[in-house]
Amino acid sequence: MTDIHPNQRVAVLADSQNLYHTAQSLYSRNIDYSSLLSEAVSDRELTRAIAYVIRADSPEEEKFFDALIDIGFETKIKEIKTFGDGSKKADWDVGMSLDAVTLANHVDTVVLCTGDGDFSRLCSHLRHEGVKVEVMAFKSSTAEELIEATDEFTDLSEEEDTYLL
C-alpha cells in the first residue's frame, strides 16, 4: 500500500452481502472480518468501521452481527424485502454512499469492501473531494469500472488464507 502514515484517518465500509455471496460462490467460505478490518486500517487511525448487513431471519445472523460488533464494526441492519411475486431485495448501495459522502470531510481515506460496480461513481466523487479511495474485494467478481475508479485495489483472492475463515 502506498501513502500510508499513522496520522491518516480511515473509514472502512463493508458491503457484507456482496462479500458474503462472493466468498460463498468462489470458495464456500466466510469472510474473516477481523483480518479484513486490520488489513484495511493497516497502521492508520480508524475513524469509523461500518458493516452493512441484511436481516434475513437465518439462525446464525444475530451471532454474526454480535461478532462484527466485537471486532470493531458498527452494524447497520436492513430488513430483507419480499415482494408479491416472491422475489427478495435488500441492498445498502444508497446508505453506504451517503455515509461515505458524509464521512469524506472527516477522513483521509475511505476503504470500500465491495466489488459492486455501482460504487464507481462514488469513488470518483470522493477522489474529487480529495479523499483517497481504496477497494478491497475479490477481483474475479469486481466490476472493472470500480477497479478503475479507485486509488488502490486489494484483491482478496490473492491472500485467501488472510481474508477467509
N, C-alpha and C. Protein backbone atom coordinates (compact mmCIF):
# COMPACT_ATOMS: atom_id res chain seq x y z
N MET A 1 0.84 -1.20 0.00
CA MET A 1 0.00 0.00 0.00
C MET A 1 0.88 1.24 0.00
N THR A 2 0.44 2.23 -0.69
CA THR A 2 1.22 3.45 -0.82
C THR A 2 0.64 4.55 0.06
N ASP A 3 1.45 5.53 0.33
CA ASP A 3 1.00 6.74 1.03
C ASP A 3 0.31 6.46 2.37
N ILE A 4 0.84 5.53 3.13
CA ILE A 4 0.25 5.25 4.45
C ILE A 4 1.10 5.94 5.49
N HIS A 5 0.43 6.68 6.38
CA HIS A 5 1.13 7.25 7.52
C HIS A 5 0.21 7.15 8.73
N PRO A 6 0.78 7.07 9.94
CA PRO A 6 -0.02 6.78 11.14
C PRO A 6 -1.12 7.79 11.43
N ASN A 7 -0.98 9.02 10.96
CA ASN A 7 -2.00 10.03 11.24
C ASN A 7 -3.13 10.02 10.22
N GLN A 8 -3.04 9.14 9.24
CA GLN A 8 -4.07 9.07 8.22
C GLN A 8 -5.36 8.51 8.83
N ARG A 9 -6.46 9.26 8.66
CA ARG A 9 -7.76 8.85 9.22
C ARG A 9 -8.49 8.01 8.18
N VAL A 10 -8.97 6.84 8.62
CA VAL A 10 -9.55 5.87 7.70
C VAL A 10 -10.97 5.50 8.14
N ALA A 11 -11.86 5.40 7.15
CA ALA A 11 -13.19 4.83 7.38
C ALA A 11 -13.27 3.56 6.53
N VAL A 12 -13.77 2.48 7.13
CA VAL A 12 -13.91 1.21 6.43
C VAL A 12 -15.40 0.89 6.32
N LEU A 13 -15.89 0.76 5.09
CA LEU A 13 -17.30 0.48 4.84
C LEU A 13 -17.41 -0.87 4.14
N ALA A 14 -18.02 -1.84 4.82
CA ALA A 14 -18.07 -3.21 4.31
C ALA A 14 -19.48 -3.59 3.86
N ASP A 15 -19.60 -3.90 2.59
CA ASP A 15 -20.85 -4.37 1.99
C ASP A 15 -20.94 -5.88 2.26
N SER A 16 -21.48 -6.24 3.42
CA SER A 16 -21.44 -7.64 3.87
C SER A 16 -22.12 -8.60 2.91
N GLN A 17 -23.23 -8.19 2.30
CA GLN A 17 -23.93 -9.08 1.37
C GLN A 17 -23.04 -9.41 0.17
N ASN A 18 -22.43 -8.39 -0.39
CA ASN A 18 -21.57 -8.58 -1.56
C ASN A 18 -20.40 -9.51 -1.21
N LEU A 19 -19.75 -9.25 -0.07
CA LEU A 19 -18.61 -10.07 0.33
C LEU A 19 -19.04 -11.51 0.62
N TYR A 20 -20.15 -11.65 1.33
CA TYR A 20 -20.64 -12.98 1.71
C TYR A 20 -20.92 -13.84 0.47
N HIS A 21 -21.71 -13.27 -0.46
CA HIS A 21 -22.10 -14.05 -1.63
C HIS A 21 -20.89 -14.41 -2.49
N THR A 22 -19.95 -13.50 -2.61
CA THR A 22 -18.76 -13.79 -3.40
C THR A 22 -17.91 -14.86 -2.74
N ALA A 23 -17.66 -14.73 -1.44
CA ALA A 23 -16.84 -15.72 -0.72
C ALA A 23 -17.49 -17.10 -0.77
N GLN A 24 -18.82 -17.12 -0.67
CA GLN A 24 -19.54 -18.40 -0.73
C GLN A 24 -19.46 -19.00 -2.13
N SER A 25 -19.70 -18.18 -3.15
CA SER A 25 -19.74 -18.74 -4.51
C SER A 25 -18.35 -19.15 -4.99
N LEU A 26 -17.31 -18.40 -4.62
CA LEU A 26 -15.96 -18.73 -5.09
C LEU A 26 -15.29 -19.80 -4.24
N TYR A 27 -15.51 -19.76 -2.92
CA TYR A 27 -14.71 -20.59 -2.01
C TYR A 27 -15.54 -21.43 -1.04
N SER A 28 -16.85 -21.21 -0.97
CA SER A 28 -17.70 -21.83 0.07
C SER A 28 -17.12 -21.57 1.47
N ARG A 29 -16.61 -20.36 1.65
CA ARG A 29 -16.04 -19.96 2.93
C ARG A 29 -16.62 -18.61 3.32
N ASN A 30 -16.36 -18.20 4.55
CA ASN A 30 -16.84 -16.91 5.04
C ASN A 30 -15.67 -15.93 5.15
N ILE A 31 -16.02 -14.66 5.20
CA ILE A 31 -15.03 -13.59 5.32
C ILE A 31 -14.51 -13.53 6.76
N ASP A 32 -13.22 -13.33 6.90
CA ASP A 32 -12.61 -13.08 8.21
C ASP A 32 -12.61 -11.56 8.41
N TYR A 33 -13.65 -11.07 9.07
CA TYR A 33 -13.83 -9.63 9.22
C TYR A 33 -12.76 -9.00 10.10
N SER A 34 -12.21 -9.76 11.03
CA SER A 34 -11.15 -9.24 11.88
C SER A 34 -9.91 -8.92 11.03
N SER A 35 -9.53 -9.85 10.18
CA SER A 35 -8.39 -9.62 9.27
C SER A 35 -8.70 -8.52 8.26
N LEU A 36 -9.92 -8.54 7.75
CA LEU A 36 -10.31 -7.53 6.77
C LEU A 36 -10.14 -6.13 7.37
N LEU A 37 -10.64 -5.94 8.58
CA LEU A 37 -10.55 -4.63 9.23
C LEU A 37 -9.10 -4.26 9.52
N SER A 38 -8.36 -5.21 10.04
CA SER A 38 -6.96 -4.95 10.38
C SER A 38 -6.14 -4.58 9.15
N GLU A 39 -6.33 -5.31 8.05
CA GLU A 39 -5.60 -5.01 6.81
C GLU A 39 -6.06 -3.69 6.19
N ALA A 40 -7.35 -3.41 6.30
CA ALA A 40 -7.88 -2.16 5.74
C ALA A 40 -7.31 -0.95 6.47
N VAL A 41 -7.21 -1.05 7.78
CA VAL A 41 -6.70 0.07 8.59
C VAL A 41 -5.19 0.19 8.43
N SER A 42 -4.50 -0.93 8.52
CA SER A 42 -3.07 -1.00 8.22
C SER A 42 -2.24 0.12 8.86
N ASP A 43 -2.13 0.12 10.16
CA ASP A 43 -1.30 1.09 10.90
C ASP A 43 -1.74 2.55 10.74
N ARG A 44 -2.99 2.75 10.39
CA ARG A 44 -3.51 4.11 10.32
C ARG A 44 -4.53 4.29 11.44
N GLU A 45 -5.15 5.45 11.51
CA GLU A 45 -6.10 5.76 12.57
C GLU A 45 -7.52 5.47 12.09
N LEU A 46 -8.17 4.49 12.72
CA LEU A 46 -9.53 4.14 12.33
C LEU A 46 -10.50 5.17 12.88
N THR A 47 -11.26 5.79 11.99
CA THR A 47 -12.28 6.76 12.38
C THR A 47 -13.63 6.07 12.55
N ARG A 48 -14.03 5.29 11.55
CA ARG A 48 -15.30 4.54 11.61
C ARG A 48 -15.12 3.25 10.83
N ALA A 49 -15.76 2.19 11.32
CA ALA A 49 -15.85 0.93 10.58
C ALA A 49 -17.32 0.54 10.63
N ILE A 50 -17.93 0.44 9.46
CA ILE A 50 -19.35 0.13 9.40
C ILE A 50 -19.54 -1.09 8.50
N ALA A 51 -20.28 -2.08 9.02
CA ALA A 51 -20.66 -3.24 8.23
C ALA A 51 -22.15 -3.13 7.93
N TYR A 52 -22.47 -3.20 6.66
CA TYR A 52 -23.86 -3.08 6.21
C TYR A 52 -24.39 -4.49 6.01
N VAL A 53 -25.38 -4.86 6.82
CA VAL A 53 -25.87 -6.23 6.81
C VAL A 53 -27.37 -6.28 6.56
N ILE A 54 -27.82 -7.44 6.13
CA ILE A 54 -29.24 -7.67 5.84
C ILE A 54 -29.75 -8.70 6.84
N ARG A 55 -30.90 -8.41 7.44
CA ARG A 55 -31.54 -9.40 8.32
C ARG A 55 -32.49 -10.23 7.47
N ALA A 56 -32.17 -11.52 7.35
CA ALA A 56 -33.00 -12.42 6.54
C ALA A 56 -33.54 -13.56 7.40
N ASP A 57 -33.50 -13.38 8.72
CA ASP A 57 -34.01 -14.37 9.67
C ASP A 57 -33.38 -15.75 9.54
N SER A 58 -32.06 -15.76 9.36
CA SER A 58 -31.38 -17.05 9.40
C SER A 58 -30.83 -17.23 10.82
N PRO A 59 -30.70 -18.49 11.25
CA PRO A 59 -30.41 -18.76 12.67
C PRO A 59 -29.10 -18.17 13.19
N GLU A 60 -28.08 -18.09 12.34
CA GLU A 60 -26.76 -17.63 12.81
C GLU A 60 -26.59 -16.11 12.77
N GLU A 61 -27.61 -15.43 12.24
CA GLU A 61 -27.49 -13.99 11.99
C GLU A 61 -27.07 -13.17 13.20
N GLU A 62 -27.80 -13.31 14.30
CA GLU A 62 -27.54 -12.45 15.46
C GLU A 62 -26.12 -12.67 15.98
N LYS A 63 -25.66 -13.93 15.96
CA LYS A 63 -24.28 -14.21 16.38
C LYS A 63 -23.29 -13.50 15.47
N PHE A 64 -23.59 -13.51 14.18
CA PHE A 64 -22.73 -12.83 13.20
C PHE A 64 -22.71 -11.33 13.46
N PHE A 65 -23.88 -10.73 13.68
CA PHE A 65 -23.96 -9.29 13.95
C PHE A 65 -23.18 -8.95 15.21
N ASP A 66 -23.32 -9.77 16.26
CA ASP A 66 -22.58 -9.55 17.52
C ASP A 66 -21.08 -9.67 17.30
N ALA A 67 -20.67 -10.65 16.49
CA ALA A 67 -19.25 -10.84 16.21
C ALA A 67 -18.67 -9.62 15.50
N LEU A 68 -19.42 -9.06 14.56
CA LEU A 68 -18.96 -7.85 13.86
C LEU A 68 -18.72 -6.72 14.86
N ILE A 69 -19.63 -6.56 15.81
CA ILE A 69 -19.50 -5.51 16.83
C ILE A 69 -18.27 -5.76 17.69
N ASP A 70 -18.06 -7.02 18.09
CA ASP A 70 -16.89 -7.37 18.91
C ASP A 70 -15.59 -7.06 18.17
N ILE A 71 -15.58 -7.25 16.85
CA ILE A 71 -14.38 -6.99 16.04
C ILE A 71 -14.11 -5.49 15.94
N GLY A 72 -15.16 -4.67 16.03
CA GLY A 72 -14.96 -3.22 15.96
C GLY A 72 -15.81 -2.52 14.92
N PHE A 73 -16.71 -3.25 14.29
CA PHE A 73 -17.61 -2.64 13.31
C PHE A 73 -18.88 -2.15 14.00
N GLU A 74 -19.39 -1.03 13.51
CA GLU A 74 -20.79 -0.68 13.79
C GLU A 74 -21.57 -1.49 12.78
N THR A 75 -22.76 -1.95 13.16
CA THR A 75 -23.57 -2.64 12.16
C THR A 75 -24.77 -1.78 11.81
N LYS A 76 -25.04 -1.71 10.53
CA LYS A 76 -26.26 -1.08 10.05
C LYS A 76 -27.06 -2.21 9.43
N ILE A 77 -28.26 -2.43 9.96
CA ILE A 77 -29.06 -3.59 9.59
C ILE A 77 -30.30 -3.15 8.83
N LYS A 78 -30.54 -3.83 7.71
CA LYS A 78 -31.73 -3.57 6.92
C LYS A 78 -32.49 -4.89 6.80
N GLU A 79 -33.80 -4.80 6.93
CA GLU A 79 -34.64 -6.00 6.77
C GLU A 79 -34.73 -6.33 5.28
N ILE A 80 -34.76 -7.61 4.96
CA ILE A 80 -34.93 -8.03 3.57
C ILE A 80 -36.39 -7.78 3.18
N LYS A 81 -36.61 -7.31 1.97
CA LYS A 81 -37.97 -7.04 1.50
C LYS A 81 -38.40 -8.19 0.58
N THR A 82 -39.58 -8.72 0.83
CA THR A 82 -40.13 -9.75 -0.05
C THR A 82 -41.31 -9.14 -0.80
N PHE A 83 -41.28 -9.25 -2.11
CA PHE A 83 -42.32 -8.67 -2.95
C PHE A 83 -43.41 -9.70 -3.24
N GLY A 84 -44.53 -9.22 -3.74
CA GLY A 84 -45.68 -10.06 -4.04
C GLY A 84 -45.37 -11.26 -4.91
N ASP A 85 -44.42 -11.09 -5.82
CA ASP A 85 -44.07 -12.20 -6.73
C ASP A 85 -43.07 -13.18 -6.10
N GLY A 86 -42.75 -12.95 -4.82
CA GLY A 86 -41.83 -13.85 -4.12
C GLY A 86 -40.38 -13.42 -4.21
N SER A 87 -40.06 -12.45 -5.07
CA SER A 87 -38.67 -12.00 -5.18
C SER A 87 -38.28 -11.22 -3.93
N LYS A 88 -36.99 -11.23 -3.64
CA LYS A 88 -36.49 -10.55 -2.44
C LYS A 88 -35.46 -9.51 -2.87
N LYS A 89 -35.41 -8.42 -2.10
CA LYS A 89 -34.42 -7.39 -2.40
C LYS A 89 -33.98 -6.73 -1.10
N ALA A 90 -32.70 -6.49 -1.04
CA ALA A 90 -32.14 -5.71 0.06
C ALA A 90 -30.73 -5.32 -0.36
N ASP A 91 -30.47 -4.05 -0.43
CA ASP A 91 -29.09 -3.63 -0.64
C ASP A 91 -28.87 -2.30 0.05
N TRP A 92 -27.61 -2.03 0.26
CA TRP A 92 -27.21 -0.88 1.04
C TRP A 92 -26.51 0.17 0.18
N ASP A 93 -26.62 0.09 -1.14
CA ASP A 93 -25.85 0.99 -2.00
C ASP A 93 -26.04 2.46 -1.64
N VAL A 94 -27.27 2.89 -1.49
CA VAL A 94 -27.53 4.31 -1.19
C VAL A 94 -27.03 4.65 0.21
N GLY A 95 -27.31 3.79 1.18
CA GLY A 95 -26.86 4.04 2.55
C GLY A 95 -25.35 4.12 2.68
N MET A 96 -24.66 3.19 2.02
CA MET A 96 -23.18 3.21 2.05
C MET A 96 -22.66 4.48 1.39
N SER A 97 -23.26 4.83 0.26
CA SER A 97 -22.80 6.02 -0.46
C SER A 97 -23.01 7.28 0.37
N LEU A 98 -24.17 7.40 1.00
CA LEU A 98 -24.44 8.58 1.84
C LEU A 98 -23.46 8.65 3.00
N ASP A 99 -23.20 7.51 3.64
CA ASP A 99 -22.24 7.50 4.74
C ASP A 99 -20.85 7.90 4.26
N ALA A 100 -20.43 7.39 3.12
CA ALA A 100 -19.11 7.72 2.58
C ALA A 100 -18.99 9.21 2.30
N VAL A 101 -20.02 9.78 1.70
CA VAL A 101 -20.00 11.22 1.39
C VAL A 101 -20.00 12.04 2.68
N THR A 102 -20.78 11.60 3.67
CA THR A 102 -20.83 12.30 4.96
C THR A 102 -19.48 12.22 5.68
N LEU A 103 -18.82 11.06 5.60
CA LEU A 103 -17.54 10.87 6.28
C LEU A 103 -16.38 11.56 5.56
N ALA A 104 -16.56 11.90 4.30
CA ALA A 104 -15.47 12.44 3.48
C ALA A 104 -14.76 13.63 4.12
N ASN A 105 -15.51 14.47 4.83
CA ASN A 105 -14.90 15.65 5.47
C ASN A 105 -14.12 15.29 6.74
N HIS A 106 -14.25 14.05 7.21
CA HIS A 106 -13.66 13.67 8.49
C HIS A 106 -12.54 12.63 8.36
N VAL A 107 -12.28 12.18 7.14
CA VAL A 107 -11.26 11.15 6.94
C VAL A 107 -10.35 11.52 5.77
N ASP A 108 -9.22 10.83 5.71
CA ASP A 108 -8.29 10.99 4.59
C ASP A 108 -8.50 9.90 3.55
N THR A 109 -8.96 8.73 4.03
CA THR A 109 -9.12 7.56 3.17
C THR A 109 -10.43 6.85 3.49
N VAL A 110 -11.14 6.41 2.45
CA VAL A 110 -12.30 5.55 2.61
C VAL A 110 -11.95 4.22 1.97
N VAL A 111 -12.11 3.14 2.74
CA VAL A 111 -11.89 1.79 2.21
C VAL A 111 -13.26 1.16 2.02
N LEU A 112 -13.59 0.88 0.75
CA LEU A 112 -14.85 0.22 0.43
C LEU A 112 -14.58 -1.27 0.24
N CYS A 113 -15.27 -2.09 1.01
CA CYS A 113 -15.11 -3.54 0.90
C CYS A 113 -16.31 -4.07 0.13
N THR A 114 -16.20 -4.05 -1.19
CA THR A 114 -17.28 -4.47 -2.09
C THR A 114 -16.71 -4.58 -3.50
N GLY A 115 -17.37 -5.40 -4.30
CA GLY A 115 -17.00 -5.48 -5.71
C GLY A 115 -18.07 -4.89 -6.61
N ASP A 116 -19.05 -4.24 -6.00
CA ASP A 116 -20.22 -3.73 -6.71
C ASP A 116 -19.86 -2.49 -7.54
N GLY A 117 -20.02 -2.62 -8.86
CA GLY A 117 -19.70 -1.53 -9.77
C GLY A 117 -20.52 -0.27 -9.57
N ASP A 118 -21.66 -0.39 -8.87
CA ASP A 118 -22.47 0.79 -8.59
C ASP A 118 -21.70 1.83 -7.78
N PHE A 119 -20.62 1.41 -7.12
CA PHE A 119 -19.85 2.34 -6.29
C PHE A 119 -18.77 3.09 -7.06
N SER A 120 -18.63 2.84 -8.36
CA SER A 120 -17.56 3.52 -9.11
C SER A 120 -17.78 5.03 -9.15
N ARG A 121 -19.00 5.46 -9.30
CA ARG A 121 -19.30 6.90 -9.30
C ARG A 121 -18.98 7.52 -7.95
N LEU A 122 -19.27 6.79 -6.87
CA LEU A 122 -18.93 7.25 -5.53
C LEU A 122 -17.42 7.45 -5.40
N CYS A 123 -16.64 6.50 -5.91
CA CYS A 123 -15.18 6.61 -5.87
C CYS A 123 -14.72 7.88 -6.55
N SER A 124 -15.25 8.14 -7.74
CA SER A 124 -14.88 9.35 -8.49
C SER A 124 -15.21 10.60 -7.68
N HIS A 125 -16.39 10.62 -7.07
CA HIS A 125 -16.81 11.77 -6.27
C HIS A 125 -15.87 11.98 -5.08
N LEU A 126 -15.59 10.92 -4.34
CA LEU A 126 -14.72 11.03 -3.16
C LEU A 126 -13.33 11.51 -3.55
N ARG A 127 -12.79 10.97 -4.62
CA ARG A 127 -11.46 11.38 -5.07
C ARG A 127 -11.45 12.85 -5.48
N HIS A 128 -12.53 13.28 -6.12
CA HIS A 128 -12.66 14.69 -6.50
C HIS A 128 -12.66 15.57 -5.25
N GLU A 129 -13.21 15.05 -4.15
CA GLU A 129 -13.25 15.79 -2.88
C GLU A 129 -11.93 15.70 -2.12
N GLY A 130 -10.94 15.01 -2.68
CA GLY A 130 -9.63 14.92 -2.06
C GLY A 130 -9.46 13.75 -1.10
N VAL A 131 -10.39 12.80 -1.15
CA VAL A 131 -10.30 11.63 -0.28
C VAL A 131 -9.70 10.48 -1.08
N LYS A 132 -8.72 9.79 -0.48
CA LYS A 132 -8.15 8.61 -1.11
C LYS A 132 -9.17 7.48 -0.98
N VAL A 133 -9.36 6.71 -2.05
CA VAL A 133 -10.33 5.61 -2.02
C VAL A 133 -9.61 4.30 -2.32
N GLU A 134 -9.81 3.35 -1.42
CA GLU A 134 -9.26 2.01 -1.59
C GLU A 134 -10.44 1.04 -1.65
N VAL A 135 -10.31 0.03 -2.49
CA VAL A 135 -11.34 -1.00 -2.59
C VAL A 135 -10.69 -2.34 -2.28
N MET A 136 -11.38 -3.12 -1.44
CA MET A 136 -10.94 -4.48 -1.13
C MET A 136 -12.07 -5.42 -1.54
N ALA A 137 -11.77 -6.34 -2.46
CA ALA A 137 -12.80 -7.26 -2.95
C ALA A 137 -12.11 -8.40 -3.70
N PHE A 138 -12.91 -9.34 -4.14
CA PHE A 138 -12.40 -10.45 -4.95
C PHE A 138 -12.42 -10.02 -6.41
N LYS A 139 -11.23 -9.96 -7.01
CA LYS A 139 -11.11 -9.37 -8.34
C LYS A 139 -12.02 -10.04 -9.38
N SER A 140 -12.16 -11.36 -9.31
CA SER A 140 -12.94 -12.06 -10.34
C SER A 140 -14.41 -11.66 -10.33
N SER A 141 -14.88 -11.09 -9.21
CA SER A 141 -16.28 -10.67 -9.16
C SER A 141 -16.40 -9.18 -8.89
N THR A 142 -15.35 -8.44 -9.20
CA THR A 142 -15.39 -6.99 -9.02
C THR A 142 -15.52 -6.31 -10.37
N ALA A 143 -16.42 -5.37 -10.44
CA ALA A 143 -16.65 -4.64 -11.68
C ALA A 143 -15.38 -3.88 -12.09
N GLU A 144 -15.05 -3.98 -13.37
CA GLU A 144 -13.85 -3.32 -13.89
C GLU A 144 -13.90 -1.81 -13.65
N GLU A 145 -15.10 -1.21 -13.79
CA GLU A 145 -15.20 0.24 -13.60
C GLU A 145 -14.92 0.65 -12.16
N LEU A 146 -15.17 -0.26 -11.20
CA LEU A 146 -14.86 0.04 -9.79
C LEU A 146 -13.35 0.01 -9.58
N ILE A 147 -12.68 -0.98 -10.14
CA ILE A 147 -11.22 -1.07 -10.02
C ILE A 147 -10.57 0.16 -10.64
N GLU A 148 -11.09 0.59 -11.79
CA GLU A 148 -10.52 1.75 -12.48
C GLU A 148 -10.77 3.05 -11.71
N ALA A 149 -11.85 3.11 -10.93
CA ALA A 149 -12.22 4.35 -10.24
C ALA A 149 -11.52 4.53 -8.89
N THR A 150 -10.82 3.50 -8.42
CA THR A 150 -10.23 3.57 -7.10
C THR A 150 -8.76 3.96 -7.15
N ASP A 151 -8.25 4.47 -6.04
CA ASP A 151 -6.82 4.78 -5.96
C ASP A 151 -6.01 3.50 -5.78
N GLU A 152 -6.60 2.54 -5.08
CA GLU A 152 -5.87 1.31 -4.79
C GLU A 152 -6.85 0.15 -4.65
N PHE A 153 -6.53 -0.95 -5.30
CA PHE A 153 -7.39 -2.14 -5.24
C PHE A 153 -6.64 -3.29 -4.59
N THR A 154 -7.26 -3.92 -3.60
CA THR A 154 -6.69 -5.11 -2.97
C THR A 154 -7.56 -6.30 -3.37
N ASP A 155 -6.94 -7.26 -4.03
CA ASP A 155 -7.65 -8.47 -4.45
C ASP A 155 -7.59 -9.48 -3.30
N LEU A 156 -8.73 -9.69 -2.65
CA LEU A 156 -8.79 -10.60 -1.50
C LEU A 156 -8.43 -12.03 -1.91
N SER A 157 -8.60 -12.38 -3.18
CA SER A 157 -8.27 -13.73 -3.66
C SER A 157 -6.78 -14.02 -3.58
N GLU A 158 -5.96 -12.97 -3.62
CA GLU A 158 -4.51 -13.18 -3.58
C GLU A 158 -4.02 -13.62 -2.22
N GLU A 159 -4.83 -13.39 -1.19
CA GLU A 159 -4.45 -13.81 0.16
C GLU A 159 -5.66 -14.44 0.84
N GLU A 160 -6.19 -15.48 0.22
CA GLU A 160 -7.44 -16.05 0.74
C GLU A 160 -7.30 -16.57 2.17
N ASP A 161 -6.10 -17.04 2.57
CA ASP A 161 -5.95 -17.51 3.94
C ASP A 161 -5.98 -16.37 4.96
N THR A 162 -5.70 -15.16 4.51
CA THR A 162 -5.81 -14.00 5.38
C THR A 162 -7.26 -13.56 5.51
N TYR A 163 -7.98 -13.53 4.41
CA TYR A 163 -9.29 -12.91 4.37
C TYR A 163 -10.48 -13.85 4.51
N LEU A 164 -10.21 -15.17 4.49
CA LEU A 164 -11.31 -16.14 4.58
C LEU A 164 -11.13 -17.03 5.79
N LEU A 165 -12.27 -17.41 6.38
CA LEU A 165 -12.25 -18.33 7.52
C LEU A 165 -12.33 -19.76 7.02
